């Protein structure tokens, strides 16, 4: 990837609402050249989308936890992501190396909600869980280090 494309991705990662005019000024390209490059980056899948980052506390979801899961029956099919996808409190699912198979990032409103979600996770995917509750988040959703 060219340096100017990296710069565009970095700038849009910092502010996805940055205008083509601003991108043009910051990269030294014409507005039309920036537009074409952004379109190509989107078509290639380098830029996969744009999103709003909302404050979970303001949305009534002050509890964040990481839930490590591993299958109760190691010979069972590895279909936990498909089984857990409908549970909207799961914000992210990462396949990991180590003792556990996946680590889930979850957000809920209360400790009771977390307890209920853990029961749903265990039942839906036939897994055991290990949970770490987040006390604070010094930073999150950082742009890639380009």
Protein backbone atom coordinates (compact mmCIF):
# COMPACT_ATOMS: atom_id res chain seq x y z
CA UNK A 1 0.00 0.00 0.00
CA UNK A 2 1.30 3.45 -0.89
CA UNK A 3 2.17 5.97 1.82
CA UNK A 4 -0.58 8.34 0.69
CA UNK A 5 -3.18 5.55 1.01
CA UNK A 6 -1.89 4.81 4.50
CA UNK A 7 -2.24 8.50 5.33
CA UNK A 8 -5.83 8.52 4.07
CA UNK A 9 -6.70 5.42 6.11
CA UNK A 10 -5.04 6.92 9.21
CA UNK A 11 -6.90 10.22 8.82
CA UNK A 12 -10.26 8.51 8.25
CA UNK A 13 -9.60 6.18 11.20
CA UNK A 14 -9.13 9.24 13.40
CA UNK A 15 -12.29 10.90 12.04
CA UNK A 16 -14.53 8.97 9.65
CA UNK A 17 -16.51 12.14 8.94
CA UNK A 18 -13.46 14.02 7.61
CA UNK A 19 -14.37 15.62 4.28
CA UNK A 20 -12.64 14.96 0.97
CA UNK A 21 -11.59 18.62 1.05
CA UNK A 22 -9.88 18.14 4.41
CA UNK A 23 -8.26 14.91 3.20
CA UNK A 24 -7.07 16.74 0.11
CA UNK A 25 -5.50 19.52 2.17
CA UNK A 26 -3.81 17.05 4.53
CA UNK A 27 -2.44 14.74 1.82
CA UNK A 28 -1.59 17.27 -0.87
CA UNK A 29 -3.80 15.52 -3.44
CA UNK A 30 -6.68 17.02 -5.38
CA UNK A 31 -10.18 16.44 -4.04
CA UNK A 32 -11.00 14.18 -7.00
CA UNK A 33 -7.79 12.15 -6.50
CA UNK A 34 -8.64 11.67 -2.81
CA UNK A 35 -12.18 10.63 -3.72
CA UNK A 36 -10.87 8.06 -6.21
CA UNK A 37 -8.37 6.67 -3.71
CA UNK A 38 -10.98 6.37 -0.96
CA UNK A 39 -13.34 4.60 -3.36
CA UNK A 40 -10.55 2.17 -4.37
CA UNK A 41 -9.65 1.53 -0.71
CA UNK A 42 -13.32 0.75 -0.03
CA UNK A 43 -13.58 -1.55 -3.07
CA UNK A 44 -10.41 -3.43 -2.04
CA UNK A 45 -11.80 -3.92 1.46
CA UNK A 46 -9.06 -1.88 3.13
CA UNK A 47 -11.77 0.47 4.37
CA UNK A 48 -14.59 -1.82 5.46
CA UNK A 49 -17.03 0.79 6.67
CA UNK A 50 -17.71 3.77 8.86
CA UNK A 51 -19.35 3.69 12.26
CA UNK A 52 -20.45 5.70 15.22
CA UNK A 53 -18.62 5.10 18.48
CA UNK A 54 -21.20 5.54 21.21
CA UNK A 55 -20.58 5.88 24.94
CA UNK A 56 -21.72 2.56 26.46
CA UNK A 57 -22.30 4.13 29.89
CA UNK A 58 -24.67 6.69 28.35
CA UNK A 59 -26.45 3.80 26.62
CA UNK A 60 -27.01 2.05 29.96
CA UNK A 61 -24.24 -0.53 29.49
CA UNK A 62 -21.65 0.41 32.12
CA UNK A 63 -20.25 -3.10 32.67
CA UNK A 64 -17.67 -4.43 30.23
CA UNK A 65 -16.24 -7.91 30.63
CA UNK A 66 -14.04 -10.33 28.74
CA UNK A 67 -15.38 -13.86 28.72
CA UNK A 68 -13.00 -16.66 27.78
CA UNK A 69 -14.74 -19.79 26.55
CA UNK A 70 -13.67 -23.34 25.84
CA UNK A 71 -15.77 -26.29 24.74
CA UNK A 72 -16.96 -28.74 27.37
CA UNK A 73 -16.52 -31.50 24.77
CA UNK A 74 -13.29 -30.84 22.82
CA UNK A 75 -14.41 -33.24 20.06
CA UNK A 76 -17.58 -31.20 19.37
CA UNK A 77 -17.71 -29.04 16.23
CA UNK A 78 -16.08 -25.61 16.57
CA UNK A 79 -19.23 -23.60 15.91
CA UNK A 80 -19.31 -21.33 18.97
CA UNK A 81 -19.20 -18.07 16.95
CA UNK A 82 -22.25 -19.09 14.94
CA UNK A 83 -24.12 -20.16 18.07
CA UNK A 84 -23.24 -16.95 19.94
CA UNK A 85 -23.76 -14.46 17.12
CA UNK A 86 -27.43 -13.79 18.04
CA UNK A 87 -26.47 -12.65 21.56
CA UNK A 88 -26.31 -8.87 21.03
CA UNK A 89 -24.52 -8.19 24.33
CA UNK A 90 -21.43 -9.82 22.79
CA UNK A 91 -19.57 -6.95 21.14
CA UNK A 92 -16.63 -8.97 19.78
CA UNK A 93 -15.54 -12.59 19.42
CA UNK A 94 -11.83 -13.38 18.98
CA UNK A 95 -10.38 -16.81 18.22
CA UNK A 96 -7.28 -17.17 20.40
CA UNK A 97 -4.33 -19.45 21.00
CA UNK A 98 -3.98 -20.91 24.46
CA UNK A 99 -6.20 -22.80 26.85
CA UNK A 100 -9.43 -21.11 25.75
CA UNK A 101 -10.84 -21.18 22.23
CA UNK A 102 -12.38 -17.71 22.09
CA UNK A 103 -12.43 -14.49 24.05
CA UNK A 104 -15.65 -12.48 23.96
CA UNK A 105 -15.99 -8.80 24.76
CA UNK A 106 -19.39 -8.15 26.31
CA UNK A 107 -21.26 -5.09 27.57
CA UNK A 108 -24.20 -5.24 29.96
CA UNK A 109 -26.17 -3.01 32.29
CA UNK A 110 -25.95 -4.80 35.63
CA UNK A 111 -24.14 -7.67 37.35
CA UNK A 112 -27.40 -9.61 37.09
CA UNK A 113 -27.40 -9.03 33.33
CA UNK A 114 -23.84 -10.39 33.17
CA UNK A 115 -24.84 -13.46 35.13
CA UNK A 116 -27.79 -14.05 32.78
CA UNK A 117 -25.58 -13.56 29.71
CA UNK A 118 -23.03 -16.07 31.01
CA UNK A 119 -25.81 -18.64 31.40
CA UNK A 120 -26.97 -17.92 27.85
CA UNK A 121 -23.42 -18.28 26.50
CA UNK A 122 -22.89 -21.60 28.28
CA UNK A 123 -26.23 -22.99 27.09
CA UNK A 124 -25.97 -21.74 23.50
CA UNK A 125 -22.44 -22.95 22.80
CA UNK A 126 -21.97 -25.80 25.32
CA UNK A 127 -18.85 -24.14 26.74
CA UNK A 128 -17.26 -23.34 30.08
CA UNK A 129 -16.49 -19.70 30.81
CA UNK A 130 -13.94 -17.61 32.67
CA UNK A 131 -14.87 -13.97 33.13
CA UNK A 132 -12.78 -10.86 33.75
CA UNK A 133 -14.72 -7.69 34.58
CA UNK A 134 -13.21 -4.40 33.38
CA UNK A 135 -12.71 -1.80 36.12
CA UNK A 136 -11.73 1.09 33.84
CA UNK A 137 -10.73 1.69 30.23
CA UNK A 138 -7.84 4.16 29.85
CA UNK A 139 -8.15 3.92 26.05
CA UNK A 140 -10.09 1.98 23.44
CA UNK A 141 -10.97 2.10 19.72
CA UNK A 142 -7.60 3.52 18.77
CA UNK A 143 -6.89 3.94 15.08
CA UNK A 144 -4.35 1.52 13.58
CA UNK A 145 -0.73 2.51 14.14
CA UNK A 146 -0.05 3.63 10.58
